[in-house]
């Protein structure tokens, strides 16, 4: 937690992938597989705040996203950044072509 506190002394937000893989069709999801959450779990473990934003579609037509991470209790910062990102892009309007 101290390491993250030092990072956020000079950084407003971290921009990171949300998942280590692209989205998969719902029918192929294994609820017991924790691997897809390995890039997001640290947020809760370290008391940080995060938001995931759509940032496009995979070659298979499934959604992909990025996560913005901020210090604890900085949800307003995340929401402002999310609104700015969605105002500058149309990714949030994309619809998956595959289910």
N, C-alpha and C. Protein backbone atom coordinates (compact mmCIF):
# COMPACT_ATOMS: atom_id res chain seq x y z
N UNK A 1 0.83 -1.18 0.00
CA UNK A 1 0.00 0.00 0.00
C UNK A 1 0.87 1.25 0.00
N UNK A 2 2.01 1.17 0.70
CA UNK A 2 2.93 2.32 0.69
C UNK A 2 3.49 2.57 -0.70
N UNK A 3 3.78 1.49 -1.42
CA UNK A 3 4.30 1.65 -2.79
C UNK A 3 3.28 2.36 -3.68
N UNK A 4 2.02 1.99 -3.56
CA UNK A 4 0.99 2.66 -4.35
C UNK A 4 0.84 4.11 -3.91
N UNK A 5 0.93 4.37 -2.63
CA UNK A 5 0.84 5.76 -2.15
C UNK A 5 1.95 6.59 -2.77
N UNK A 6 3.14 6.03 -2.89
CA UNK A 6 4.26 6.76 -3.51
C UNK A 6 3.99 6.99 -5.00
N UNK A 7 3.45 5.99 -5.67
CA UNK A 7 3.14 6.14 -7.10
C UNK A 7 2.15 7.28 -7.30
N UNK A 8 1.12 7.32 -6.46
CA UNK A 8 0.07 8.32 -6.64
C UNK A 8 0.46 9.70 -6.12
N UNK A 9 1.64 9.83 -5.55
CA UNK A 9 2.14 11.18 -5.22
C UNK A 9 2.44 11.95 -6.50
N UNK A 10 2.77 11.24 -7.57
CA UNK A 10 3.18 11.88 -8.82
C UNK A 10 2.32 11.45 -10.02
N UNK A 11 1.29 10.65 -9.77
CA UNK A 11 0.48 10.10 -10.84
C UNK A 11 -1.00 10.23 -10.47
N UNK A 12 -1.80 10.75 -11.36
CA UNK A 12 -3.23 10.89 -11.08
C UNK A 12 -3.96 9.56 -11.21
N UNK A 13 -3.67 8.84 -12.29
CA UNK A 13 -4.36 7.59 -12.60
C UNK A 13 -3.41 6.61 -13.24
N UNK A 14 -3.66 5.33 -13.05
CA UNK A 14 -2.98 4.30 -13.81
C UNK A 14 -3.95 3.82 -14.88
N UNK A 15 -3.46 3.64 -16.09
CA UNK A 15 -4.26 3.10 -17.19
C UNK A 15 -3.71 1.72 -17.48
N UNK A 16 -4.54 0.70 -17.25
CA UNK A 16 -4.10 -0.69 -17.33
C UNK A 16 -5.12 -1.54 -18.06
N UNK A 17 -4.70 -2.70 -18.55
CA UNK A 17 -5.70 -3.61 -19.11
C UNK A 17 -6.62 -4.11 -18.01
N UNK A 18 -7.84 -4.41 -18.36
CA UNK A 18 -8.79 -4.98 -17.40
C UNK A 18 -8.64 -6.49 -17.33
N UNK A 19 -8.48 -7.12 -18.48
CA UNK A 19 -8.35 -8.57 -18.56
C UNK A 19 -7.07 -8.95 -19.28
N UNK A 20 -6.51 -10.13 -18.96
CA UNK A 20 -5.32 -10.58 -19.67
C UNK A 20 -5.63 -11.20 -21.04
N UNK A 21 -6.92 -11.38 -21.33
CA UNK A 21 -7.38 -11.96 -22.60
C UNK A 21 -8.55 -11.14 -23.10
N UNK A 22 -8.90 -11.30 -24.36
CA UNK A 22 -10.10 -10.64 -24.86
C UNK A 22 -11.33 -11.37 -24.34
N UNK A 23 -12.46 -10.73 -24.44
CA UNK A 23 -13.71 -11.32 -23.97
C UNK A 23 -13.97 -12.63 -24.72
N UNK A 24 -14.68 -13.50 -24.03
CA UNK A 24 -15.05 -14.79 -24.62
C UNK A 24 -16.57 -14.90 -24.63
N UNK A 25 -17.11 -15.71 -25.51
CA UNK A 25 -18.56 -15.91 -25.49
C UNK A 25 -19.00 -16.42 -24.11
N UNK A 26 -20.13 -15.97 -23.65
CA UNK A 26 -20.63 -16.30 -22.32
C UNK A 26 -20.68 -17.80 -22.08
N UNK A 27 -21.05 -18.56 -23.08
CA UNK A 27 -21.18 -20.01 -22.92
C UNK A 27 -19.84 -20.69 -22.61
N UNK A 28 -18.72 -20.01 -22.88
CA UNK A 28 -17.40 -20.62 -22.64
C UNK A 28 -16.78 -20.19 -21.31
N UNK A 29 -17.46 -19.37 -20.54
CA UNK A 29 -16.90 -18.85 -19.29
C UNK A 29 -16.94 -19.91 -18.20
N UNK A 30 -15.80 -20.09 -17.52
CA UNK A 30 -15.70 -20.99 -16.37
C UNK A 30 -15.67 -20.12 -15.12
N UNK A 31 -16.75 -20.11 -14.37
CA UNK A 31 -16.87 -19.25 -13.17
C UNK A 31 -15.80 -19.58 -12.13
N UNK A 32 -15.24 -20.78 -12.14
CA UNK A 32 -14.22 -21.16 -11.17
C UNK A 32 -12.82 -20.67 -11.57
N UNK A 33 -12.66 -20.22 -12.79
CA UNK A 33 -11.36 -19.76 -13.29
C UNK A 33 -11.10 -18.33 -12.83
N UNK A 34 -10.15 -18.16 -11.92
CA UNK A 34 -9.83 -16.82 -11.40
C UNK A 34 -8.81 -16.07 -12.25
N UNK A 35 -8.22 -16.72 -13.22
CA UNK A 35 -7.18 -16.08 -14.04
C UNK A 35 -7.63 -14.77 -14.69
N UNK A 36 -8.85 -14.68 -15.23
CA UNK A 36 -9.23 -13.40 -15.86
C UNK A 36 -9.23 -12.22 -14.90
N UNK A 37 -9.39 -12.45 -13.62
CA UNK A 37 -9.44 -11.32 -12.68
C UNK A 37 -8.08 -10.94 -12.11
N UNK A 38 -7.03 -11.56 -12.59
CA UNK A 38 -5.71 -11.30 -11.98
C UNK A 38 -5.23 -9.87 -12.16
N UNK A 39 -5.73 -9.15 -13.14
CA UNK A 39 -5.30 -7.76 -13.35
C UNK A 39 -6.16 -6.75 -12.60
N UNK A 40 -7.23 -7.22 -11.97
CA UNK A 40 -8.11 -6.31 -11.23
C UNK A 40 -8.12 -6.56 -9.73
N UNK A 41 -7.74 -7.76 -9.29
CA UNK A 41 -7.81 -8.11 -7.87
C UNK A 41 -7.00 -7.19 -6.98
N UNK A 42 -5.85 -6.71 -7.46
CA UNK A 42 -4.98 -5.89 -6.62
C UNK A 42 -5.67 -4.60 -6.17
N UNK A 43 -6.64 -4.14 -6.94
CA UNK A 43 -7.34 -2.90 -6.59
C UNK A 43 -8.02 -3.05 -5.23
N UNK A 44 -8.78 -4.10 -5.06
CA UNK A 44 -9.45 -4.33 -3.79
C UNK A 44 -8.47 -4.68 -2.67
N UNK A 45 -7.47 -5.47 -2.98
CA UNK A 45 -6.48 -5.87 -1.97
C UNK A 45 -5.77 -4.67 -1.37
N UNK A 46 -5.54 -3.65 -2.19
CA UNK A 46 -4.78 -2.48 -1.74
C UNK A 46 -5.66 -1.27 -1.44
N UNK A 47 -6.97 -1.46 -1.45
CA UNK A 47 -7.87 -0.37 -1.09
C UNK A 47 -7.92 0.76 -2.09
N UNK A 48 -7.66 0.45 -3.35
CA UNK A 48 -7.67 1.47 -4.40
C UNK A 48 -9.06 1.57 -5.01
N UNK A 49 -9.23 2.51 -5.91
CA UNK A 49 -10.48 2.69 -6.65
C UNK A 49 -10.20 2.43 -8.13
N UNK A 50 -11.18 1.91 -8.84
CA UNK A 50 -10.98 1.65 -10.27
C UNK A 50 -12.30 1.70 -11.01
N UNK A 51 -12.17 1.90 -12.31
CA UNK A 51 -13.32 1.86 -13.21
C UNK A 51 -12.86 1.21 -14.50
N UNK A 52 -13.70 0.38 -15.09
CA UNK A 52 -13.39 -0.24 -16.38
C UNK A 52 -14.20 0.47 -17.45
N UNK A 53 -13.55 0.74 -18.57
CA UNK A 53 -14.18 1.45 -19.68
C UNK A 53 -14.02 0.67 -20.97
N UNK A 54 -15.07 0.56 -21.77
CA UNK A 54 -14.93 -0.10 -23.06
C UNK A 54 -13.96 0.68 -23.95
N UNK A 55 -13.11 -0.07 -24.66
CA UNK A 55 -12.14 0.61 -25.52
C UNK A 55 -12.02 -0.05 -26.89
N UNK A 56 -13.03 -0.80 -27.27
CA UNK A 56 -13.03 -1.37 -28.60
C UNK A 56 -13.61 -2.77 -28.62
N UNK A 57 -13.45 -3.41 -29.78
CA UNK A 57 -13.90 -4.79 -29.97
C UNK A 57 -12.73 -5.63 -30.43
N UNK A 58 -12.70 -6.88 -30.00
CA UNK A 58 -11.67 -7.81 -30.43
C UNK A 58 -11.89 -8.17 -31.90
N UNK A 59 -10.91 -8.83 -32.52
CA UNK A 59 -11.13 -9.27 -33.91
C UNK A 59 -12.36 -10.18 -34.06
N UNK A 60 -12.75 -10.84 -32.96
CA UNK A 60 -13.93 -11.69 -32.99
C UNK A 60 -15.21 -10.91 -32.74
N UNK A 61 -15.11 -9.60 -32.54
CA UNK A 61 -16.29 -8.77 -32.34
C UNK A 61 -16.77 -8.69 -30.91
N UNK A 62 -15.93 -9.11 -29.95
CA UNK A 62 -16.30 -9.06 -28.53
C UNK A 62 -15.66 -7.86 -27.86
N UNK A 63 -16.29 -7.32 -26.81
CA UNK A 63 -15.77 -6.09 -26.19
C UNK A 63 -14.45 -6.29 -25.45
N UNK A 64 -13.63 -5.25 -25.50
CA UNK A 64 -12.41 -5.18 -24.70
C UNK A 64 -12.48 -3.88 -23.89
N UNK A 65 -11.75 -3.87 -22.78
CA UNK A 65 -11.81 -2.68 -21.93
C UNK A 65 -10.46 -2.38 -21.32
N UNK A 66 -10.37 -1.19 -20.76
CA UNK A 66 -9.21 -0.79 -19.99
C UNK A 66 -9.70 -0.39 -18.62
N UNK A 67 -8.82 -0.42 -17.64
CA UNK A 67 -9.21 0.04 -16.31
C UNK A 67 -8.37 1.24 -15.92
N UNK A 68 -9.01 2.16 -15.28
CA UNK A 68 -8.34 3.30 -14.68
C UNK A 68 -8.30 3.04 -13.18
N UNK A 69 -7.14 3.21 -12.57
CA UNK A 69 -6.96 2.97 -11.15
C UNK A 69 -6.52 4.26 -10.49
N UNK A 70 -7.12 4.57 -9.36
CA UNK A 70 -6.81 5.80 -8.61
C UNK A 70 -6.65 5.44 -7.13
N UNK A 71 -6.16 6.37 -6.35
CA UNK A 71 -6.08 6.12 -4.91
C UNK A 71 -7.48 5.90 -4.32
N UNK A 72 -7.51 5.32 -3.14
CA UNK A 72 -8.78 5.10 -2.45
C UNK A 72 -9.55 6.41 -2.32
N UNK A 73 -10.86 6.32 -2.46
CA UNK A 73 -11.79 7.45 -2.28
C UNK A 73 -11.63 8.54 -3.34
N UNK A 74 -11.05 8.19 -4.49
CA UNK A 74 -10.94 9.15 -5.59
C UNK A 74 -11.86 8.75 -6.75
N UNK A 75 -13.04 8.28 -6.39
CA UNK A 75 -14.00 7.87 -7.41
C UNK A 75 -14.40 9.03 -8.31
N UNK A 76 -14.50 10.24 -7.77
CA UNK A 76 -14.87 11.40 -8.60
C UNK A 76 -13.83 11.62 -9.70
N UNK A 77 -12.57 11.43 -9.38
CA UNK A 77 -11.51 11.55 -10.39
C UNK A 77 -11.71 10.51 -11.48
N UNK A 78 -12.02 9.28 -11.09
CA UNK A 78 -12.25 8.22 -12.07
C UNK A 78 -13.45 8.52 -12.95
N UNK A 79 -14.52 9.00 -12.34
CA UNK A 79 -15.71 9.32 -13.12
C UNK A 79 -15.45 10.46 -14.09
N UNK A 80 -14.72 11.48 -13.66
CA UNK A 80 -14.38 12.58 -14.58
C UNK A 80 -13.54 12.07 -15.75
N UNK A 81 -12.57 11.21 -15.45
CA UNK A 81 -11.73 10.65 -16.52
C UNK A 81 -12.56 9.76 -17.44
N UNK A 82 -13.47 8.99 -16.87
CA UNK A 82 -14.34 8.14 -17.68
C UNK A 82 -15.23 8.95 -18.61
N UNK A 83 -15.80 10.02 -18.10
CA UNK A 83 -16.64 10.89 -18.93
C UNK A 83 -15.79 11.52 -20.03
N UNK A 84 -14.59 11.97 -19.70
CA UNK A 84 -13.71 12.57 -20.71
C UNK A 84 -13.36 11.55 -21.80
N UNK A 85 -13.04 10.32 -21.39
CA UNK A 85 -12.70 9.27 -22.36
C UNK A 85 -13.89 8.97 -23.26
N UNK A 86 -15.07 8.81 -22.67
CA UNK A 86 -16.23 8.50 -23.48
C UNK A 86 -16.69 9.68 -24.32
N UNK A 87 -16.36 10.89 -23.92
CA UNK A 87 -16.68 12.06 -24.75
C UNK A 87 -15.77 12.13 -25.97
N UNK A 88 -14.56 11.58 -25.84
CA UNK A 88 -13.58 11.63 -26.92
C UNK A 88 -13.62 10.40 -27.82
N UNK A 89 -14.34 9.36 -27.43
CA UNK A 89 -14.38 8.12 -28.20
C UNK A 89 -15.83 7.65 -28.34
N UNK A 90 -16.04 6.67 -29.20
CA UNK A 90 -17.36 6.06 -29.35
C UNK A 90 -17.36 4.60 -28.93
N UNK A 91 -16.30 4.15 -28.26
CA UNK A 91 -16.20 2.74 -27.89
C UNK A 91 -17.39 2.26 -27.07
N UNK A 92 -17.92 3.11 -26.21
CA UNK A 92 -19.04 2.71 -25.35
C UNK A 92 -20.33 2.50 -26.14
N UNK A 93 -20.34 2.90 -27.39
CA UNK A 93 -21.53 2.70 -28.23
C UNK A 93 -21.44 1.42 -29.05
N UNK A 94 -20.27 0.80 -29.10
CA UNK A 94 -20.07 -0.42 -29.90
C UNK A 94 -20.86 -1.58 -29.30
N UNK A 95 -21.39 -2.40 -30.14
CA UNK A 95 -22.15 -3.57 -29.69
C UNK A 95 -21.43 -4.82 -30.20
N UNK A 96 -21.31 -5.83 -29.35
CA UNK A 96 -20.66 -7.07 -29.80
C UNK A 96 -21.39 -7.67 -30.99
N UNK A 97 -20.63 -8.21 -31.92
CA UNK A 97 -21.24 -8.85 -33.07
C UNK A 97 -21.37 -10.35 -32.84
N UNK A 98 -20.72 -10.85 -31.78
CA UNK A 98 -20.73 -12.27 -31.46
C UNK A 98 -21.19 -12.47 -30.02
N UNK A 99 -21.96 -13.48 -29.77
CA UNK A 99 -22.38 -13.79 -28.40
C UNK A 99 -22.07 -15.21 -28.08
